[in-house]
Amino acid sequence: MNNRGLQAAFADLGFAAADVWETGLGPNPALGLGISGIGEVGIADTFEAVNVGSLLDLATRKQRGALAMIDFQIAKLEVLAATLALAWETRLAWIDAVAAFEAAALVGRAQGTADAASELAAELGRTGALSVSDQAREYAFTAALGAERAGARLEARLAKEKLARLMGLSGPEVTFYVPDRLPAPPGRRPGRANVERMALEHRVDIAAGRLALDRVAREYRLDGQTRMISDIALAARPRPPRCSRSGSRSRFMTPPR
């Protein structure tokens, strides 16, 4: 769970869940306010409040919810595929790291034997029992083993860094240890006659592809139903009774003599 790529995949899954929730809530209505008919004395004749809602969004709410749910299912399968791929890659990296440390240990033991042989060749050379060319050959073999041991240690450190990177570890968290040798292989292989059929039935990418085809079909039917009419809106407009201008003026006019 410390892997940044896997965290991003789970974040995409959260976005897909939010889309499902938003589709289930439906469209938000639009509210508008208006003032019209300003009179001579600064009083508005009409004060309107308009509430507009899309009828097409309400009619296709169920179908759009089904599409959002399919997108959510596809996102879940993609997260599952990313998790399985990361787990498999991490397991291979662990095997490589253990094998690299085991190889470095074997080369180290070989170098210890070569160092002892080199010291023996030096002592034999002092007594004259070993020629100079044979001594040089022993020294060259010891130096080659030293270079091979340094390369094996470097490969082991790089393999461990790759394993730590896949597990999302950094800094002081990298101070973990791997075994010195690989576990023994199993005595026999598990016999499964229907392994190919099980692999095809449980493949995550095939399941995601089937859902993607279903989504394309549903979206095509939805577009076929709504391609002629893009939007229909319903507006509710409560309007209070208009003020009479003549009545308001009569209050300020004096009666004729």
Protein backbone atom coordinates (compact mmCIF):
# COMPACT_ATOMS: atom_id res chain seq x y z
CA MET A 1 0.00 0.00 0.00
CA ASN A 2 3.03 2.34 0.14
CA ASN A 3 3.47 2.12 -3.64
CA ARG A 4 2.65 5.49 -5.22
CA GLY A 5 1.38 4.00 -8.46
CA LEU A 6 -1.05 1.74 -6.61
CA GLN A 7 -2.23 4.68 -4.50
CA ALA A 8 -2.97 6.59 -7.72
CA ALA A 9 -5.00 3.63 -9.00
CA PHE A 10 -7.09 3.60 -5.81
CA ALA A 11 -7.57 7.38 -6.15
CA ASP A 12 -9.02 6.81 -9.64
CA LEU A 13 -11.35 4.25 -8.09
CA GLY A 14 -12.53 6.91 -5.64
CA PHE A 15 -13.24 9.28 -8.53
CA ALA A 16 -15.33 6.59 -10.23
CA ALA A 17 -17.31 6.05 -7.01
CA ALA A 18 -17.90 9.80 -6.77
CA ASP A 19 -19.26 9.81 -10.33
CA VAL A 20 -21.73 7.06 -9.39
CA TRP A 21 -22.86 9.06 -6.37
CA GLU A 22 -23.21 12.25 -8.40
CA THR A 23 -25.28 10.48 -11.07
CA GLY A 24 -27.56 9.04 -8.40
CA LEU A 25 -28.22 12.46 -6.91
CA GLY A 26 -29.41 13.84 -10.23
CA PRO A 27 -28.88 17.27 -11.79
CA ASN A 28 -29.03 20.37 -9.66
CA PRO A 29 -31.86 22.76 -10.57
CA ALA A 30 -31.05 26.32 -11.57
CA LEU A 31 -32.60 29.16 -9.61
CA GLY A 32 -32.96 32.59 -11.17
CA LEU A 33 -34.29 35.86 -9.76
CA GLY A 34 -35.52 38.79 -11.85
CA ILE A 35 -37.02 42.22 -11.36
CA SER A 36 -38.91 43.93 -14.15
CA GLY A 37 -41.27 46.85 -14.69
CA ILE A 38 -39.66 49.58 -12.59
CA GLY A 39 -42.29 52.26 -12.02
CA GLU A 40 -41.92 56.02 -11.97
CA VAL A 41 -41.63 56.03 -8.18
CA GLY A 42 -38.94 53.29 -8.16
CA ILE A 43 -41.22 50.38 -7.23
CA ALA A 44 -40.93 47.09 -9.20
CA ASP A 45 -44.06 45.86 -10.89
CA THR A 46 -42.91 42.18 -11.03
CA PHE A 47 -40.56 40.09 -8.89
CA GLU A 48 -39.94 36.64 -10.45
CA ALA A 49 -38.26 33.50 -9.10
CA VAL A 50 -37.54 30.83 -11.74
CA ASN A 51 -36.67 27.20 -10.93
CA VAL A 52 -35.38 25.33 -14.00
CA GLY A 53 -34.76 21.57 -14.12
CA SER A 54 -33.69 19.42 -17.08
CA LEU A 55 -36.34 16.88 -18.03
CA LEU A 56 -33.92 14.97 -20.27
CA ASP A 57 -31.50 14.42 -17.40
CA LEU A 58 -34.33 13.13 -15.26
CA ALA A 59 -35.56 10.81 -18.02
CA THR A 60 -32.09 9.32 -18.65
CA ARG A 61 -31.04 9.22 -15.02
CA LYS A 62 -31.37 5.44 -14.74
CA GLN A 63 -29.39 4.76 -17.91
CA ARG A 64 -26.65 7.21 -16.97
CA GLY A 65 -26.49 5.61 -13.53
CA ALA A 66 -25.99 2.21 -15.17
CA LEU A 67 -23.13 3.61 -17.27
CA ALA A 68 -21.51 5.15 -14.20
CA MET A 69 -21.83 1.84 -12.35
CA ILE A 70 -20.14 0.03 -15.24
CA ASP A 71 -17.32 2.58 -15.13
CA PHE A 72 -17.00 1.90 -11.41
CA GLN A 73 -16.82 -1.86 -12.01
CA ILE A 74 -14.16 -1.34 -14.69
CA ALA A 75 -12.18 0.88 -12.30
CA LYS A 76 -12.35 -1.84 -9.64
CA LEU A 77 -11.04 -4.44 -12.08
CA GLU A 78 -8.25 -2.09 -13.16
CA VAL A 79 -7.24 -1.57 -9.52
CA LEU A 80 -7.34 -5.33 -9.00
CA ALA A 81 -5.15 -5.87 -12.06
CA ALA A 82 -2.69 -3.22 -10.86
CA THR A 83 -2.56 -4.84 -7.41
CA LEU A 84 -1.94 -8.32 -8.83
CA ALA A 85 0.70 -7.02 -11.24
CA LEU A 86 2.50 -5.16 -8.45
CA ALA A 87 2.34 -8.21 -6.16
CA TRP A 88 3.78 -10.43 -8.88
CA GLU A 89 6.50 -7.93 -9.76
CA THR A 90 7.39 -7.52 -6.08
CA ARG A 91 7.60 -11.29 -5.63
CA LEU A 92 9.96 -11.57 -8.60
CA ALA A 93 12.04 -8.70 -7.20
CA TRP A 94 12.24 -10.51 -3.85
CA ILE A 95 13.43 -13.69 -5.57
CA ASP A 96 16.03 -11.69 -7.53
CA ALA A 97 17.24 -9.98 -4.36
CA VAL A 98 17.59 -13.22 -2.40
CA ALA A 99 19.33 -14.89 -5.35
CA ALA A 100 21.72 -11.93 -5.69
CA PHE A 101 22.69 -12.05 -2.02
CA GLU A 102 23.11 -15.82 -2.19
CA ALA A 103 25.35 -15.47 -5.27
CA ALA A 104 27.39 -12.76 -3.51
CA ALA A 105 27.84 -15.08 -0.52
CA LEU A 106 29.02 -17.93 -2.77
CA VAL A 107 31.52 -15.66 -4.50
CA GLY A 108 32.70 -14.45 -1.09
CA ARG A 109 33.38 -17.99 0.06
CA ALA A 110 35.20 -18.70 -3.19
CA GLN A 111 37.32 -15.60 -2.69
CA GLY A 112 38.21 -16.73 0.83
CA THR A 113 39.48 -20.01 -0.60
CA ALA A 114 41.37 -18.16 -3.33
CA ASP A 115 43.00 -15.86 -0.73
CA ALA A 116 44.20 -18.88 1.21
CA ALA A 117 45.56 -20.44 -2.01
CA SER A 118 47.30 -17.16 -2.89
CA GLU A 119 49.01 -17.05 0.51
CA LEU A 120 50.09 -20.65 0.08
CA ALA A 121 51.49 -19.86 -3.37
CA ALA A 122 53.48 -16.97 -1.91
CA GLU A 123 55.00 -19.23 0.75
CA LEU A 124 55.83 -21.88 -1.86
CA GLY A 125 57.39 -19.22 -4.04
CA ARG A 126 59.73 -18.19 -1.22
CA THR A 127 60.91 -21.78 -0.87
CA GLY A 128 61.28 -22.17 -4.65
CA ALA A 129 58.67 -24.92 -4.91
CA LEU A 130 56.42 -22.76 -7.10
CA SER A 131 57.46 -20.77 -10.13
CA VAL A 132 56.85 -17.09 -10.59
CA SER A 133 54.37 -17.69 -13.43
CA ASP A 134 52.28 -20.00 -11.25
CA GLN A 135 52.31 -17.41 -8.49
CA ALA A 136 51.15 -14.73 -10.92
CA ARG A 137 48.37 -17.02 -12.10
CA GLU A 138 47.14 -17.47 -8.50
CA TYR A 139 47.29 -13.72 -7.89
CA ALA A 140 45.33 -13.00 -11.09
CA PHE A 141 42.67 -15.55 -10.13
CA THR A 142 42.34 -13.98 -6.68
CA ALA A 143 42.03 -10.48 -8.20
CA ALA A 144 39.38 -11.68 -10.65
CA LEU A 145 37.39 -13.20 -7.81
CA GLY A 146 37.67 -9.91 -5.90
CA ALA A 147 36.26 -7.97 -8.84
CA GLU A 148 33.49 -10.54 -9.28
CA ARG A 149 32.63 -10.32 -5.60
CA ALA A 150 32.39 -6.51 -5.82
CA GLY A 151 30.09 -6.84 -8.83
CA ALA A 152 27.94 -9.40 -7.02
CA ARG A 153 27.60 -7.12 -4.00
CA LEU A 154 26.59 -4.24 -6.26
CA GLU A 155 23.96 -6.38 -7.98
CA ALA A 156 22.62 -7.47 -4.59
CA ARG A 157 22.29 -3.85 -3.41
CA LEU A 158 20.58 -2.82 -6.65
CA ALA A 159 18.15 -5.76 -6.37
CA LYS A 160 17.32 -4.77 -2.80
CA GLU A 161 16.77 -1.13 -3.85
CA LYS A 162 14.38 -2.29 -6.57
CA LEU A 163 12.47 -4.37 -4.03
CA ALA A 164 12.28 -1.42 -1.64
CA ARG A 165 11.07 0.85 -4.44
CA LEU A 166 8.27 -1.54 -5.36
CA MET A 167 7.21 -1.78 -1.72
CA GLY A 168 7.22 2.02 -1.46
CA LEU A 169 9.92 2.14 1.23
CA SER A 170 12.47 4.92 1.56
CA GLY A 171 14.94 6.36 4.06
CA PRO A 172 15.23 4.43 7.32
CA GLU A 173 12.49 2.02 6.20
CA VAL A 174 14.94 0.35 3.79
CA THR A 175 16.80 -1.30 6.68
CA PHE A 176 15.07 -4.64 6.16
CA TYR A 177 16.78 -7.97 5.58
CA VAL A 178 16.23 -10.68 3.01
CA PRO A 179 17.09 -14.36 3.52
CA ASP A 180 20.57 -15.59 2.58
CA ARG A 181 19.23 -18.32 0.32
CA LEU A 182 16.16 -19.19 -1.69
CA PRO A 183 13.67 -21.71 -0.30
CA ALA A 184 13.75 -25.24 -1.61
CA PRO A 185 11.51 -25.90 -4.63
CA PRO A 186 8.37 -27.98 -4.05
CA GLY A 187 8.62 -31.71 -4.42
CA ARG A 188 6.03 -31.92 -7.18
CA ARG A 189 4.02 -29.60 -9.35
CA PRO A 190 0.33 -29.14 -8.53
CA GLY A 191 -1.63 -31.07 -11.12
CA ARG A 192 -4.53 -29.13 -12.62
CA ALA A 193 -6.13 -30.43 -15.78
CA ASN A 194 -8.35 -27.36 -16.26
CA VAL A 195 -5.69 -24.73 -15.61
CA GLU A 196 -6.16 -23.08 -19.03
CA ARG A 197 -9.92 -22.74 -18.61
CA MET A 198 -9.51 -21.36 -15.08
CA ALA A 199 -6.94 -18.84 -16.30
CA LEU A 200 -9.31 -17.56 -19.00
CA GLU A 201 -12.27 -17.39 -16.63
CA HIS A 202 -10.41 -15.50 -13.90
CA ARG A 203 -8.40 -13.09 -16.02
CA VAL A 204 -9.08 -9.55 -14.88
CA ASP A 205 -8.32 -7.87 -18.22
CA ILE A 206 -10.83 -10.09 -20.04
CA ALA A 207 -13.54 -9.24 -17.49
CA ALA A 208 -12.77 -5.53 -17.87
CA GLY A 209 -12.95 -5.84 -21.66
CA ARG A 210 -16.39 -7.46 -21.46
CA LEU A 211 -17.66 -4.65 -19.25
CA ALA A 212 -16.20 -2.08 -21.65
CA LEU A 213 -18.11 -3.68 -24.55
CA ASP A 214 -21.31 -3.62 -22.50
CA ARG A 215 -20.75 0.04 -21.73
CA VAL A 216 -20.25 0.89 -25.39
CA ALA A 217 -23.51 -0.85 -26.27
CA ARG A 218 -25.46 0.93 -23.52
CA GLU A 219 -23.97 4.30 -24.42
CA TYR A 220 -24.83 3.76 -28.10
CA ARG A 221 -28.46 3.06 -27.22
CA LEU A 222 -28.58 6.15 -25.00
CA ASP A 223 -27.11 8.34 -27.73
CA GLY A 224 -29.59 6.89 -30.21
CA GLN A 225 -32.48 7.90 -27.98
CA THR A 226 -31.26 11.44 -27.28
CA ARG A 227 -29.51 12.44 -30.51
CA MET A 228 -32.52 14.33 -31.91
CA ILE A 229 -33.21 16.37 -28.76
CA SER A 230 -30.23 17.66 -26.83
CA ASP A 231 -32.03 19.13 -23.82
CA ILE A 232 -35.51 19.83 -22.47
CA ALA A 233 -35.99 22.13 -19.49
CA LEU A 234 -38.95 22.72 -17.22
CA ALA A 235 -39.30 26.14 -15.61
CA ALA A 236 -41.58 26.96 -12.66
CA ARG A 237 -42.20 30.68 -12.28
CA PRO A 238 -44.34 31.96 -9.39
CA ARG A 239 -45.43 35.54 -10.11
CA PRO A 240 -47.17 37.80 -7.57
CA PRO A 241 -50.02 40.03 -8.74
CA ARG A 242 -48.84 43.14 -10.55
CA CYS A 243 -49.30 46.49 -8.93
CA SER A 244 -51.73 48.87 -10.61
CA ARG A 245 -49.98 51.98 -11.78
CA SER A 246 -53.23 53.91 -12.12
CA GLY A 247 -54.15 53.15 -8.56
CA SER A 248 -50.80 54.22 -7.29
CA ARG A 249 -51.00 57.45 -9.19
CA SER A 250 -54.51 58.28 -7.91
CA ARG A 251 -53.20 58.43 -4.40
CA PHE A 252 -51.04 61.38 -5.29
CA MET A 253 -53.50 63.25 -7.63
CA THR A 254 -55.82 65.92 -6.23
CA PRO A 255 -59.51 65.74 -7.19
CA PRO A 256 -60.69 68.23 -9.80
CA ARG A 257 -62.50 71.31 -8.62
